[in-house]
Amino acid sequence: MSPLKFTLVKTGAGGEHSVQGFLQEIWMTFIFSVLGALLVVEGIPYFAFPGRVKNWALALQEVPEKNLRIMGSFSILAGLLLLYIVKVYFR
């Protein structure tokens, strides 16, 4: 894979913008869109079922830390695998 070369492109208004700046803008838009969607999904249980969330949080205190770390590890690995699959197969 060859490295990307960034050149300047002229806009219709006569100004110049770099391709790198354009890509950074797209990347930041994507990141903030994903974070916004994540916050919406995370907020749904607190809004729809606040009592159940409290009960779940109390029950979570009884789960050993080792089990929580294992669940967290699997969640991280599943997320990384999903990102890899999207990057490789949906390009």
C-alpha atoms as a PDB file:
ATOM      1  CA  MET A   1       0.000   0.000   0.000  1.00  0.00           C
ATOM      2  CA  SER A   2       1.492   3.345  -0.990  1.00  0.00           C
ATOM      3  CA  PRO A   3       1.359   6.330   1.356  1.00  0.00           C
ATOM      4  CA  LEU A   4      -1.259   8.944   0.646  1.00  0.00           C
ATOM      5  CA  LYS A   5      -0.084  12.219  -0.813  1.00  0.00           C
ATOM      6  CA  PHE A   6      -2.031  15.316   0.136  1.00  0.00           C
ATOM      7  CA  THR A   7      -2.259  18.200  -2.275  1.00  0.00           C
ATOM      8  CA  LEU A   8      -4.062  21.487  -2.184  1.00  0.00           C
ATOM      9  CA  VAL A   9      -7.290  21.837  -4.094  1.00  0.00           C
ATOM     10  CA  LYS A  10      -8.964  25.116  -5.009  1.00  0.00           C
ATOM     11  CA  THR A  11     -12.469  25.768  -3.858  1.00  0.00           C
ATOM     12  CA  GLY A  12     -15.073  27.630  -5.867  1.00  0.00           C
ATOM     13  CA  ALA A  13     -14.647  30.734  -3.696  1.00  0.00           C
ATOM     14  CA  GLY A  14     -10.991  31.069  -4.637  1.00  0.00           C
ATOM     15  CA  GLY A  15      -9.661  29.825  -1.298  1.00  0.00           C
ATOM     16  CA  GLU A  16      -7.500  26.788  -0.781  1.00  0.00           C
ATOM     17  CA  HIS A  17      -8.190  23.819   1.474  1.00  0.00           C
ATOM     18  CA  SER A  18      -5.988  20.807   1.982  1.00  0.00           C
ATOM     19  CA  VAL A  19      -7.227  17.310   1.359  1.00  0.00           C
ATOM     20  CA  GLN A  20      -5.778  16.391   4.744  1.00  0.00           C
ATOM     21  CA  GLY A  21      -7.949  19.025   6.426  1.00  0.00           C
ATOM     22  CA  PHE A  22     -10.974  17.689   4.557  1.00  0.00           C
ATOM     23  CA  LEU A  23     -10.237  14.137   5.715  1.00  0.00           C
ATOM     24  CA  GLN A  24      -9.749  15.323   9.288  1.00  0.00           C
ATOM     25  CA  GLU A  25     -13.118  17.079   9.140  1.00  0.00           C
ATOM     26  CA  ILE A  26     -14.815  13.906   7.886  1.00  0.00           C
ATOM     27  CA  TRP A  27     -13.067  11.868  10.606  1.00  0.00           C
ATOM     28  CA  MET A  28     -14.163  14.267  13.359  1.00  0.00           C
ATOM     29  CA  THR A  29     -17.723  14.275  12.009  1.00  0.00           C
ATOM     30  CA  PHE A  30     -17.716  10.480  12.087  1.00  0.00           C
ATOM     31  CA  ILE A  31     -16.290  10.299  15.622  1.00  0.00           C
ATOM     32  CA  PHE A  32     -18.808  12.785  17.013  1.00  0.00           C
ATOM     33  CA  SER A  33     -21.663  11.019  15.200  1.00  0.00           C
ATOM     34  CA  VAL A  34     -20.649   7.680  16.723  1.00  0.00           C
ATOM     35  CA  LEU A  35     -20.278   9.227  20.186  1.00  0.00           C
ATOM     36  CA  GLY A  36     -23.687  10.864  19.865  1.00  0.00           C
ATOM     37  CA  ALA A  37     -25.302   7.586  18.830  1.00  0.00           C
ATOM     38  CA  LEU A  38     -23.566   5.819  21.711  1.00  0.00           C
ATOM     39  CA  LEU A  39     -24.898   8.356  24.211  1.00  0.00           C
ATOM     40  CA  VAL A  40     -28.431   7.949  22.838  1.00  0.00           C
ATOM     41  CA  VAL A  41     -28.269   4.151  23.138  1.00  0.00           C
ATOM     42  CA  GLU A  42     -26.698   4.362  26.608  1.00  0.00           C
ATOM     43  CA  GLY A  43     -29.367   6.797  27.803  1.00  0.00           C
ATOM     44  CA  ILE A  44     -32.394   4.758  26.720  1.00  0.00           C
ATOM     45  CA  PRO A  45     -32.410   2.346  29.710  1.00  0.00           C
ATOM     46  CA  TYR A  46     -32.011   5.209  32.204  1.00  0.00           C
ATOM     47  CA  PHE A  47     -34.920   7.056  30.625  1.00  0.00           C
ATOM     48  CA  ALA A  48     -37.233   4.100  29.991  1.00  0.00           C
ATOM     49  CA  PHE A  49     -36.496   1.869  32.992  1.00  0.00           C
ATOM     50  CA  PRO A  50     -34.833   3.855  35.821  1.00  0.00           C
ATOM     51  CA  GLY A  51     -35.994   1.434  38.531  1.00  0.00           C
ATOM     52  CA  ARG A  52     -34.585  -1.574  36.734  1.00  0.00           C
ATOM     53  CA  VAL A  53     -31.283   0.214  36.161  1.00  0.00           C
ATOM     54  CA  LYS A  54     -31.016   0.860  39.917  1.00  0.00           C
ATOM     55  CA  ASN A  55     -31.750  -2.784  40.696  1.00  0.00           C
ATOM     56  CA  TRP A  56     -29.248  -3.910  38.084  1.00  0.00           C
ATOM     57  CA  ALA A  57     -26.581  -1.604  39.537  1.00  0.00           C
ATOM     58  CA  LEU A  58     -27.180  -3.085  43.008  1.00  0.00           C
ATOM     59  CA  ALA A  59     -26.979  -6.616  41.640  1.00  0.00           C
ATOM     60  CA  LEU A  60     -23.774  -5.726  39.793  1.00  0.00           C
ATOM     61  CA  GLN A  61     -22.045  -5.097  43.132  1.00  0.00           C
ATOM     62  CA  GLU A  62     -22.393  -8.809  43.923  1.00  0.00           C
ATOM     63  CA  VAL A  63     -20.542  -9.907  40.771  1.00  0.00           C
ATOM     64  CA  PRO A  64     -16.866 -10.687  41.446  1.00  0.00           C
ATOM     65  CA  GLU A  65     -14.347  -8.280  39.881  1.00  0.00           C
ATOM     66  CA  LYS A  66     -12.717 -11.133  37.963  1.00  0.00           C
ATOM     67  CA  ASN A  67     -16.001 -11.842  36.167  1.00  0.00           C
ATOM     68  CA  LEU A  68     -16.483  -8.145  35.375  1.00  0.00           C
ATOM     69  CA  ARG A  69     -12.991  -7.978  33.890  1.00  0.00           C
ATOM     70  CA  ILE A  70     -13.686 -11.062  31.770  1.00  0.00           C
ATOM     71  CA  MET A  71     -16.964  -9.556  30.516  1.00  0.00           C
ATOM     72  CA  GLY A  72     -15.183  -6.265  29.777  1.00  0.00           C
ATOM     73  CA  SER A  73     -12.394  -8.077  27.921  1.00  0.00           C
ATOM     74  CA  PHE A  74     -14.870  -9.968  25.744  1.00  0.00           C
ATOM     75  CA  SER A  75     -16.740  -6.753  25.032  1.00  0.00           C
ATOM     76  CA  ILE A  76     -13.537  -4.988  23.961  1.00  0.00           C
ATOM     77  CA  LEU A  77     -12.475  -7.925  21.774  1.00  0.00           C
ATOM     78  CA  ALA A  78     -15.928  -8.119  20.167  1.00  0.00           C
ATOM     79  CA  GLY A  79     -15.812  -4.383  19.412  1.00  0.00           C
ATOM     80  CA  LEU A  80     -12.329  -4.623  17.908  1.00  0.00           C
ATOM     81  CA  LEU A  81     -13.375  -7.630  15.828  1.00  0.00           C
ATOM     82  CA  LEU A  82     -16.429  -5.768  14.565  1.00  0.00           C
ATOM     83  CA  LEU A  83     -14.296  -2.740  13.628  1.00  0.00           C
ATOM     84  CA  TYR A  84     -11.833  -5.017  11.817  1.00  0.00           C
ATOM     85  CA  ILE A  85     -14.601  -6.772   9.885  1.00  0.00           C
ATOM     86  CA  VAL A  86     -16.122  -3.447   8.841  1.00  0.00           C
ATOM     87  CA  LYS A  87     -12.723  -2.110   7.766  1.00  0.00           C
ATOM     88  CA  VAL A  88     -11.728  -5.198   5.776  1.00  0.00           C
ATOM     89  CA  TYR A  89     -15.002  -6.299   4.201  1.00  0.00           C
ATOM     90  CA  PHE A  90     -16.976  -3.080   3.758  1.00  0.00           C
ATOM     91  CA  ARG A  91     -14.378  -0.843   2.171  1.00  0.00           C
END
